Amino acid sequence: MKVLVVGSGGREHVVCWKLKQDPRVTELFCAPGNGGIASIAECVDIKANEIDKLVSFAKDGKFDLVFIAPEDPLALGLADKLEEEGIRCFGPKANAAIIESSKAFSKSLMRKYGIPTAKYEIFDDETKALEYLETQPMPIVIKCDGLALGKGVIIAQTLDEAKQAVSDMMGDKKFGSAGSTVVIEECMVGPELTILSFSDGNTAVPMISSRDHKRVNDHDEGLNTGGMGAVTPGADMTPDLKKRIQDEIITPTVEALKAEGRPFKGVIYFGLMLTSEGPKVVEYNCRFGDPEVQAILPLLETSLLDIVDAVIDGKLNEIEIKWKNKCSCVVVMASGGYPESYQKGYEITGIDTCGKLVFQAGTALKDGKLVTNGGRVLCVYDEGDTLDEAIDGAYEGVKKINFKDAHYRHDIGRTLG
């Protein structure tokens, strides 16, 4: 079986690693891939948002499956175009991926179908947004409507911070067109929780819960990032809480999208807040979370390829998905200065001798050496019978890996709210 994975980060590395374990996968390619993926798949110099090039490559190469991992190509309609060419692919069409590409759409969907979320208003006029802020209690959350690499969310503690965030997004276009429309919502209080769920458009099957840490510094301080680490499980959930999340959020979301003529086939990311009133949706993503998936997929015992087939064929209700009875932790090692400006090209050492599973994100091969090539560089993984064992093991690995100006948090999994 000939498989193409689209993307270049840690998420794509773990997907390639998992697919490679299935003996049916005889040829594995990744576009564009990275320095770590290059050791297990043939990397192709096509960017994830070069839709027409990807379709042509998949068609000419007679691929049996294309696995679309990042949000950008999904929002740009890669799944639609592959399907038009008769190429089997994993990932939602653009009209379903809109749950991530437009926060205004997703909030409106939740309101229409009674899915619990924060109170909010949507603005495409900067002046009206600023006037609205004058009437609201602080802290408050300001979100870009469009895709902003996980960075278009500001939790403003003061009115001045809130106004600055709106001005940055709408006036100064800090996030480009993604900030032309903003969502302003109440700041919910409670532990955060991530539930990733496979969906075939009719059935939704949740994975192990996880919890990521988005702020760049210890104690949840500093700027938001794409994620500095993650653990599983994300919370000590009771059977009642699991049922509420399934019955009040996961199933209604899949049914709502189907009712809107947007059946979702792929992975839905449910970012939740466990408030005093019950679980509420913070955000949806239309794909595996990164770095959550690096903590989750190593625990999957069922073949990922079997699940992919079931999702595509609408037969998710016919398979049993099994998981290891373990806890896990991934710690992100980032470039100094991330998520703002940072340098690339520093040599990375210690991966092969650290004794841990390491998924590479922002890496490249240069003159035969592995070097840094992005903001989030590595995800160091370990698992254990207890969460403490998994956390300690991941940090043991981190301490044995080196590159100039490496930055990582020291409290991943230690601050679970």
Protein backbone atom coordinates (compact mmCIF):
# COMPACT_ATOMS: atom_id res chain seq x y z
CA MET A 1 0.00 0.00 0.00
CA LYS A 2 1.38 3.41 -1.00
CA VAL A 3 0.62 6.20 1.47
CA LEU A 4 1.26 9.95 1.44
CA VAL A 5 1.13 11.98 4.67
CA VAL A 6 0.77 15.75 4.24
CA GLY A 7 2.56 18.04 6.71
CA SER A 8 5.91 18.72 8.32
CA GLY A 9 5.68 18.76 12.12
CA GLY A 10 5.70 16.55 15.18
CA ARG A 11 2.10 15.55 14.49
CA GLU A 12 3.08 14.26 11.06
CA HIS A 13 6.11 12.45 12.48
CA VAL A 14 4.00 10.45 14.92
CA VAL A 15 1.39 9.71 12.21
CA CYS A 16 4.12 8.42 9.87
CA TRP A 17 5.67 6.43 12.73
CA LYS A 18 2.33 4.81 13.54
CA LEU A 19 1.38 4.06 9.94
CA LYS A 20 4.83 2.57 9.32
CA GLN A 21 4.08 -0.10 11.94
CA ASP A 22 1.37 -1.60 9.71
CA PRO A 23 2.87 -4.23 7.36
CA ARG A 24 0.34 -3.25 4.66
CA VAL A 25 2.11 0.12 4.28
CA THR A 26 4.88 -0.78 1.84
CA GLU A 27 5.68 2.73 0.58
CA LEU A 28 5.44 5.82 2.79
CA PHE A 29 5.93 9.41 1.62
CA CYS A 30 5.56 12.74 3.42
CA ALA A 31 5.17 16.22 1.93
CA PRO A 32 7.17 18.14 2.87
CA GLY A 33 8.27 16.19 5.98
CA ASN A 34 11.25 17.07 8.21
CA GLY A 35 14.61 15.75 9.35
CA GLY A 36 13.09 13.10 11.59
CA ILE A 37 10.41 11.95 9.17
CA ALA A 38 13.13 11.48 6.54
CA SER A 39 14.36 8.41 8.48
CA ILE A 40 11.07 6.54 8.04
CA ALA A 41 9.47 8.04 4.92
CA GLU A 42 10.53 9.56 1.62
CA CYS A 43 10.16 13.34 1.96
CA VAL A 44 8.81 15.28 -1.00
CA ASP A 45 9.51 18.97 -1.54
CA ILE A 46 5.87 20.09 -1.76
CA LYS A 47 4.44 22.40 0.91
CA ALA A 48 1.23 21.44 2.70
CA ASN A 49 -0.66 24.39 1.22
CA GLU A 50 0.39 23.72 -2.39
CA ILE A 51 -2.91 22.01 -3.12
CA ASP A 52 -2.67 21.52 -6.88
CA LYS A 53 0.88 20.17 -6.65
CA LEU A 54 -0.16 17.69 -3.95
CA VAL A 55 -3.14 16.48 -5.99
CA SER A 56 -0.98 16.04 -9.09
CA PHE A 57 1.70 14.19 -7.12
CA ALA A 58 -0.84 11.86 -5.52
CA LYS A 59 -2.55 11.21 -8.86
CA ASP A 60 0.64 10.66 -10.87
CA GLY A 61 2.11 8.48 -8.11
CA LYS A 62 -1.03 6.32 -7.92
CA PHE A 63 -1.23 6.61 -4.13
CA ASP A 64 -3.66 4.34 -2.29
CA LEU A 65 -4.17 6.81 0.57
CA VAL A 66 -3.43 10.44 1.40
CA PHE A 67 -3.49 11.35 5.11
CA ILE A 68 -4.01 15.12 5.50
CA ALA A 69 -2.68 16.14 8.91
CA PRO A 70 -2.57 19.99 9.16
CA GLU A 71 -5.51 22.41 9.18
CA ASP A 72 -4.42 24.68 6.30
CA PRO A 73 -4.73 22.15 3.45
CA LEU A 74 -8.02 20.91 4.90
CA ALA A 75 -9.42 24.45 4.99
CA LEU A 76 -8.15 24.98 1.43
CA GLY A 77 -10.10 21.97 0.18
CA LEU A 78 -7.38 19.37 -0.39
CA ALA A 79 -9.73 16.53 0.64
CA ASP A 80 -12.37 17.80 -1.81
CA LYS A 81 -9.92 17.90 -4.73
CA LEU A 82 -8.44 14.49 -3.96
CA GLU A 83 -11.91 12.96 -3.81
CA GLU A 84 -12.78 14.57 -7.15
CA GLU A 85 -9.78 12.74 -8.61
CA GLY A 86 -10.89 9.46 -7.05
CA ILE A 87 -8.01 9.41 -4.55
CA ARG A 88 -8.79 7.93 -1.15
CA CYS A 89 -7.99 10.41 1.62
CA PHE A 90 -8.31 10.90 5.38
CA GLY A 91 -9.46 14.32 6.54
CA PRO A 92 -12.64 16.41 6.36
CA LYS A 93 -13.79 18.41 3.37
CA ALA A 94 -13.44 22.19 3.56
CA ASN A 95 -17.11 22.72 4.43
CA ALA A 96 -16.60 20.60 7.58
CA ALA A 97 -13.06 21.84 8.34
CA ILE A 98 -14.67 25.27 8.77
CA ILE A 99 -15.22 24.36 12.43
CA GLU A 100 -11.56 25.35 12.85
CA SER A 101 -11.00 27.77 9.97
CA SER A 102 -13.80 30.05 11.22
CA LYS A 103 -14.33 30.51 14.94
CA ALA A 104 -17.36 32.66 14.14
CA PHE A 105 -18.92 29.71 12.31
CA SER A 106 -18.16 27.24 15.10
CA LYS A 107 -19.56 29.54 17.81
CA SER A 108 -22.71 30.10 15.76
CA LEU A 109 -23.07 26.35 15.24
CA MET A 110 -22.82 25.76 18.99
CA ARG A 111 -25.41 28.44 19.69
CA LYS A 112 -27.83 27.08 17.09
CA TYR A 113 -27.63 23.49 18.35
CA GLY A 114 -27.37 24.19 22.09
CA ILE A 115 -23.83 22.89 22.52
CA PRO A 116 -22.41 24.39 25.75
CA THR A 117 -19.76 27.08 25.24
CA ALA A 118 -18.79 30.52 26.55
CA LYS A 119 -21.05 33.52 25.98
CA TYR A 120 -19.73 35.52 23.05
CA GLU A 121 -20.24 38.18 20.39
CA ILE A 122 -18.77 38.42 16.88
CA PHE A 123 -17.40 41.65 15.36
CA ASP A 124 -16.12 42.69 11.93
CA ASP A 125 -15.98 46.38 12.92
CA GLU A 126 -13.07 47.46 15.14
CA THR A 127 -14.88 50.45 16.63
CA LYS A 128 -17.89 48.38 17.67
CA ALA A 129 -15.60 45.71 19.15
CA LEU A 130 -13.79 48.33 21.24
CA GLU A 131 -17.11 49.83 22.40
CA TYR A 132 -18.35 46.38 23.42
CA LEU A 133 -15.24 45.80 25.54
CA GLU A 134 -16.13 48.88 27.61
CA THR A 135 -19.25 47.06 28.85
CA GLN A 136 -17.64 43.72 29.72
CA PRO A 137 -15.95 42.37 32.88
CA MET A 138 -12.30 41.39 32.78
CA PRO A 139 -10.56 39.05 32.12
CA ILE A 140 -11.95 38.46 28.65
CA VAL A 141 -10.94 36.35 25.62
CA ILE A 142 -10.33 37.77 22.13
CA LYS A 143 -9.96 35.32 19.23
CA CYS A 144 -9.14 35.75 15.56
CA ASP A 145 -11.89 34.25 13.45
CA GLY A 146 -9.47 32.57 11.03
CA LEU A 147 -6.42 30.32 11.25
CA ALA A 148 -3.47 31.84 13.12
CA LEU A 149 -1.22 28.83 13.90
CA GLY A 150 -2.70 28.47 17.38
CA LYS A 151 -1.58 31.97 18.35
CA GLY A 152 -4.64 34.09 17.54
CA VAL A 153 -6.14 33.90 21.03
CA ILE A 154 -5.51 36.50 23.71
CA ILE A 155 -6.70 36.20 27.31
CA ALA A 156 -6.76 39.86 28.35
CA GLN A 157 -6.54 40.57 32.07
CA THR A 158 -7.33 44.28 31.77
CA LEU A 159 -9.41 46.53 29.53
CA ASP A 160 -6.23 48.07 28.09
CA GLU A 161 -4.89 44.62 27.19
CA ALA A 162 -8.21 43.70 25.59
CA LYS A 163 -8.29 46.87 23.50
CA GLN A 164 -4.70 46.33 22.42
CA ALA A 165 -5.52 42.79 21.33
CA VAL A 166 -8.45 43.98 19.20
CA SER A 167 -6.32 46.75 17.68
CA ASP A 168 -3.51 44.30 16.91
CA MET A 169 -5.87 41.85 15.23
CA MET A 170 -8.29 44.14 13.42
CA GLY A 171 -6.38 47.38 12.96
CA ASP A 172 -2.75 46.33 12.57
CA LYS A 173 -3.57 42.97 10.93
CA LYS A 174 -1.01 41.16 13.12
CA PHE A 175 -2.53 37.86 11.99
CA GLY A 176 -3.39 38.98 8.47
CA SER A 177 -6.91 38.36 7.22
CA ALA A 178 -7.48 35.87 10.06
CA GLY A 179 -8.13 38.83 12.38
CA SER A 180 -10.52 40.77 10.13
CA THR A 181 -13.34 39.31 12.21
CA VAL A 182 -12.95 38.62 15.93
CA VAL A 183 -14.86 36.66 18.54
CA ILE A 184 -15.00 38.22 21.99
CA GLU A 185 -16.13 35.82 24.71
CA GLU A 186 -16.35 35.45 28.43
CA CYS A 187 -13.34 33.96 30.18
CA MET A 188 -14.40 30.58 31.49
CA VAL A 189 -12.85 29.20 34.67
CA GLY A 190 -11.82 25.61 35.33
CA PRO A 191 -9.39 22.89 34.27
CA GLU A 192 -8.85 22.53 30.52
CA LEU A 193 -9.21 19.17 28.80
CA THR A 194 -8.68 17.93 25.26
CA ILE A 195 -10.75 15.16 23.75
CA LEU A 196 -9.78 14.04 20.26
CA SER A 197 -12.45 12.02 18.50
CA PHE A 198 -12.55 9.96 15.34
CA SER A 199 -15.65 10.69 13.27
CA ASP A 200 -17.01 9.06 10.12
CA GLY A 201 -19.82 11.59 9.71
CA ASN A 202 -22.30 9.54 11.73
CA THR A 203 -20.40 7.93 14.60
CA ALA A 204 -17.90 9.64 16.91
CA VAL A 205 -15.44 7.64 18.99
CA PRO A 206 -13.37 9.61 21.53
CA MET A 207 -9.71 8.85 22.19
CA ILE A 208 -7.89 8.98 25.52
CA SER A 209 -8.25 12.40 27.12
CA SER A 210 -5.23 14.70 27.12
CA ARG A 211 -4.15 18.07 28.41
CA ASP A 212 -1.73 20.40 26.70
CA HIS A 213 0.04 23.49 28.01
CA LYS A 214 -0.20 26.41 25.60
CA ARG A 215 1.69 29.19 27.41
CA VAL A 216 5.37 29.39 26.60
CA ASN A 217 6.70 29.65 30.17
CA ASP A 218 6.35 27.77 33.46
CA HIS A 219 3.27 28.42 35.63
CA ASP A 220 1.21 29.07 32.48
CA GLU A 221 2.87 32.44 31.94
CA GLY A 222 3.90 34.19 28.74
CA LEU A 223 2.48 34.14 25.23
CA ASN A 224 0.23 31.45 23.78
CA THR A 225 1.96 28.88 21.58
CA GLY A 226 0.95 25.91 19.51
CA GLY A 227 1.58 23.84 22.66
CA MET A 228 4.61 23.25 24.92
CA GLY A 229 3.77 19.73 26.05
CA ALA A 230 0.92 17.35 26.83
CA VAL A 231 -0.07 14.46 29.08
CA THR A 232 -2.59 11.65 29.12
CA PRO A 233 -4.96 11.28 30.76
CA GLY A 234 -5.88 14.95 30.81
CA ALA A 235 -8.10 14.67 33.87
CA ASP A 236 -9.42 12.16 36.36
CA MET A 237 -12.80 11.77 34.69
CA THR A 238 -15.76 10.03 36.26
CA PRO A 239 -18.09 7.87 34.15
CA ASP A 240 -20.72 10.59 34.56
CA LEU A 241 -18.41 13.27 33.17
CA LYS A 242 -17.43 11.08 30.22
CA LYS A 243 -21.10 10.51 29.44
CA ARG A 244 -21.89 14.24 29.67
CA ILE A 245 -19.08 15.11 27.27
CA GLN A 246 -20.24 12.45 24.81
CA ASP A 247 -23.97 13.22 25.08
CA GLU A 248 -23.82 17.02 25.37
CA ILE A 249 -20.83 17.89 23.18
CA ILE A 250 -19.28 15.18 20.98
CA THR A 251 -22.37 13.50 19.55
CA PRO A 252 -24.35 16.76 19.14
CA THR A 253 -21.43 18.34 17.25
CA VAL A 254 -21.21 15.48 14.74
CA GLU A 255 -25.00 15.49 14.34
CA ALA A 256 -25.07 19.28 13.93
CA LEU A 257 -22.48 19.19 11.15
CA LYS A 258 -24.39 16.41 9.42
CA ALA A 259 -27.64 18.38 9.72
CA GLU A 260 -25.93 21.39 8.15
CA GLY A 261 -24.84 19.30 5.15
CA ARG A 262 -21.25 19.22 6.37
CA PRO A 263 -20.61 15.59 7.41
CA PHE A 264 -17.28 15.39 9.22
CA LYS A 265 -14.91 12.53 8.36
CA GLY A 266 -11.60 12.63 10.17
CA VAL A 267 -10.52 13.80 13.63
CA ILE A 268 -12.36 16.45 15.62
CA TYR A 269 -10.42 18.15 18.40
CA PHE A 270 -12.63 19.22 21.28
CA GLY A 271 -10.89 21.79 23.47
CA LEU A 272 -12.96 21.82 26.66
CA MET A 273 -13.20 23.71 29.94
CA LEU A 274 -14.53 21.83 32.96
CA THR A 275 -16.49 24.68 34.51
CA SER A 276 -18.63 24.66 37.66
CA GLU A 277 -21.64 24.46 35.32
CA GLY A 278 -20.26 21.45 33.49
CA PRO A 279 -18.03 20.85 30.45
CA LYS A 280 -18.06 23.57 27.79
CA VAL A 281 -16.35 23.92 24.42
CA VAL A 282 -13.43 26.33 24.22
CA GLU A 283 -12.63 25.52 20.59
CA TYR A 284 -12.85 22.95 17.83
CA ASN A 285 -10.01 21.84 15.58
CA CYS A 286 -10.50 19.81 12.41
CA ARG A 287 -7.47 17.52 12.93
CA PHE A 288 -5.19 15.89 15.49
CA GLY A 289 -3.93 18.33 18.11
CA ASP A 290 -0.19 18.95 18.25
CA PRO A 291 1.42 18.03 20.68
CA GLU A 292 -1.53 16.05 22.10
CA VAL A 293 -1.37 13.45 19.36
CA GLN A 294 2.30 12.74 20.16
CA ALA A 295 1.13 11.74 23.65
CA ILE A 296 -1.86 9.74 22.39
CA LEU A 297 -0.90 7.68 19.32
CA PRO A 298 1.93 5.70 21.01
CA LEU A 299 -0.77 4.30 23.33
CA LEU A 300 -2.99 3.14 20.46
CA GLU A 301 -3.05 -0.66 20.14
CA THR A 302 -5.48 -0.85 17.21
CA SER A 303 -3.98 -0.33 13.75
CA LEU A 304 -4.29 3.33 12.78
CA LEU A 305 -4.80 2.19 9.20
CA ASP A 306 -7.84 0.12 10.25
CA ILE A 307 -9.33 3.21 11.90
CA VAL A 308 -8.59 5.37 8.85
CA ASP A 309 -10.36 2.84 6.61
CA ALA A 310 -13.36 2.70 8.95
CA VAL A 311 -13.64 6.51 8.99
CA ILE A 312 -13.44 6.81 5.21
CA ASP A 313 -15.91 3.96 4.64
CA GLY A 314 -18.39 5.11 7.30
CA LYS A 315 -17.90 1.95 9.36
CA LEU A 316 -16.44 3.35 12.58
CA ASN A 317 -19.19 1.66 14.58
CA GLU A 318 -17.96 -1.73 13.37
CA ILE A 319 -14.48 -1.68 14.93
CA GLU A 320 -13.17 -1.73 18.48
CA ILE A 321 -10.44 0.78 19.28
CA LYS A 322 -8.06 -0.41 21.99
CA TRP A 323 -5.52 1.53 24.06
CA LYS A 324 -2.65 0.68 26.39
CA ASN A 325 -3.48 1.09 30.08
CA LYS A 326 -0.68 3.64 30.53
CA CYS A 327 -0.13 7.32 31.22
CA SER A 328 2.03 9.41 28.89
CA CYS A 329 3.86 12.72 28.65
CA VAL A 330 5.48 14.72 25.87
CA VAL A 331 7.70 17.73 26.52
CA VAL A 332 8.30 20.19 23.68
CA MET A 333 11.83 21.49 23.20
CA ALA A 334 11.57 24.83 21.40
CA SER A 335 13.93 27.39 19.91
CA GLY A 336 14.86 30.26 22.21
CA GLY A 337 12.61 33.22 21.43
CA TYR A 338 9.62 31.12 20.30
CA PRO A 339 6.77 31.99 19.70
CA GLU A 340 8.24 35.27 18.49
CA SER A 341 11.56 35.59 16.63
CA TYR A 342 14.15 32.81 16.85
CA GLN A 343 17.21 31.52 15.04
CA LYS A 344 17.44 28.33 12.97
CA GLY A 345 20.25 26.04 11.94
CA TYR A 346 21.65 24.94 15.32
CA GLU A 347 22.93 21.35 15.48
CA ILE A 348 20.89 18.92 17.61
CA THR A 349 22.65 16.16 19.56
CA GLY A 350 21.56 13.45 21.97
CA ILE A 351 18.38 12.14 20.33
CA ASP A 352 19.82 8.72 19.53
CA THR A 353 21.26 8.24 23.01
CA CYS A 354 18.56 9.78 25.22
CA GLY A 355 16.73 6.47 25.57
CA LYS A 356 13.30 7.96 24.82
CA LEU A 357 10.95 8.19 21.88
CA VAL A 358 11.47 11.58 20.20
CA PHE A 359 9.16 13.04 17.58
CA GLN A 360 10.69 15.79 15.49
CA ALA A 361 8.83 18.95 14.52
CA GLY A 362 11.05 21.85 13.43
CA THR A 363 14.13 20.00 12.17
CA ALA A 364 16.08 19.66 8.94
CA LEU A 365 19.09 17.78 7.63
CA LYS A 366 22.01 20.03 6.64
CA ASP A 367 25.36 18.65 5.51
CA GLY A 368 24.51 15.33 7.11
CA LYS A 369 23.66 16.90 10.47
CA LEU A 370 20.29 17.35 12.16
CA VAL A 371 19.60 21.05 12.83
CA THR A 372 16.82 23.21 14.21
CA ASN A 373 14.41 24.52 11.59
CA GLY A 374 11.40 25.90 13.45
CA GLY A 375 9.92 27.22 16.67
CA ARG A 376 8.87 23.93 18.22
CA VAL A 377 11.77 21.60 17.49
CA LEU A 378 11.27 18.27 19.31
CA CYS A 379 8.69 16.36 21.36
CA VAL A 380 10.22 13.98 23.90
CA TYR A 381 7.87 11.13 24.90
CA ASP A 382 7.63 8.62 27.70
CA GLU A 383 4.91 6.51 29.28
CA GLY A 384 4.43 4.83 32.63
CA ASP A 385 2.01 3.16 34.98
CA THR A 386 1.49 6.52 36.67
CA LEU A 387 1.53 10.05 35.33
CA ASP A 388 4.49 10.93 37.54
CA GLU A 389 6.51 8.09 36.00
CA ALA A 390 5.69 9.30 32.49
CA ILE A 391 6.56 12.92 33.31
CA ASP A 392 9.83 12.03 35.02
CA GLY A 393 10.81 9.80 32.12
CA ALA A 394 10.14 12.46 29.49
CA TYR A 395 12.25 15.00 31.38
CA GLU A 396 15.07 12.48 31.71
CA GLY A 397 15.14 12.39 27.93
CA VAL A 398 14.98 16.17 27.58
CA LYS A 399 18.06 16.61 29.77
CA LYS A 400 20.13 14.42 27.44
CA ILE A 401 19.30 16.37 24.26
CA ASN A 402 21.11 19.56 23.33
CA PHE A 403 20.93 22.43 20.88
CA LYS A 404 21.81 26.10 21.29
CA ASP A 405 19.19 28.24 23.10
CA ALA A 406 16.88 25.26 23.69
CA HIS A 407 13.81 26.29 25.67
CA TYR A 408 11.27 24.06 27.39
CA ARG A 409 8.84 24.23 30.28
CA HIS A 410 9.72 22.44 33.50
CA ASP A 411 6.16 21.84 34.72
CA ILE A 412 4.38 19.89 31.99
CA GLY A 413 1.75 17.74 33.64
CA ARG A 414 2.44 19.25 37.05
CA THR A 415 -0.18 22.00 36.73
CA LEU A 416 -3.40 20.28 35.77
CA GLY A 417 -5.71 22.86 37.31
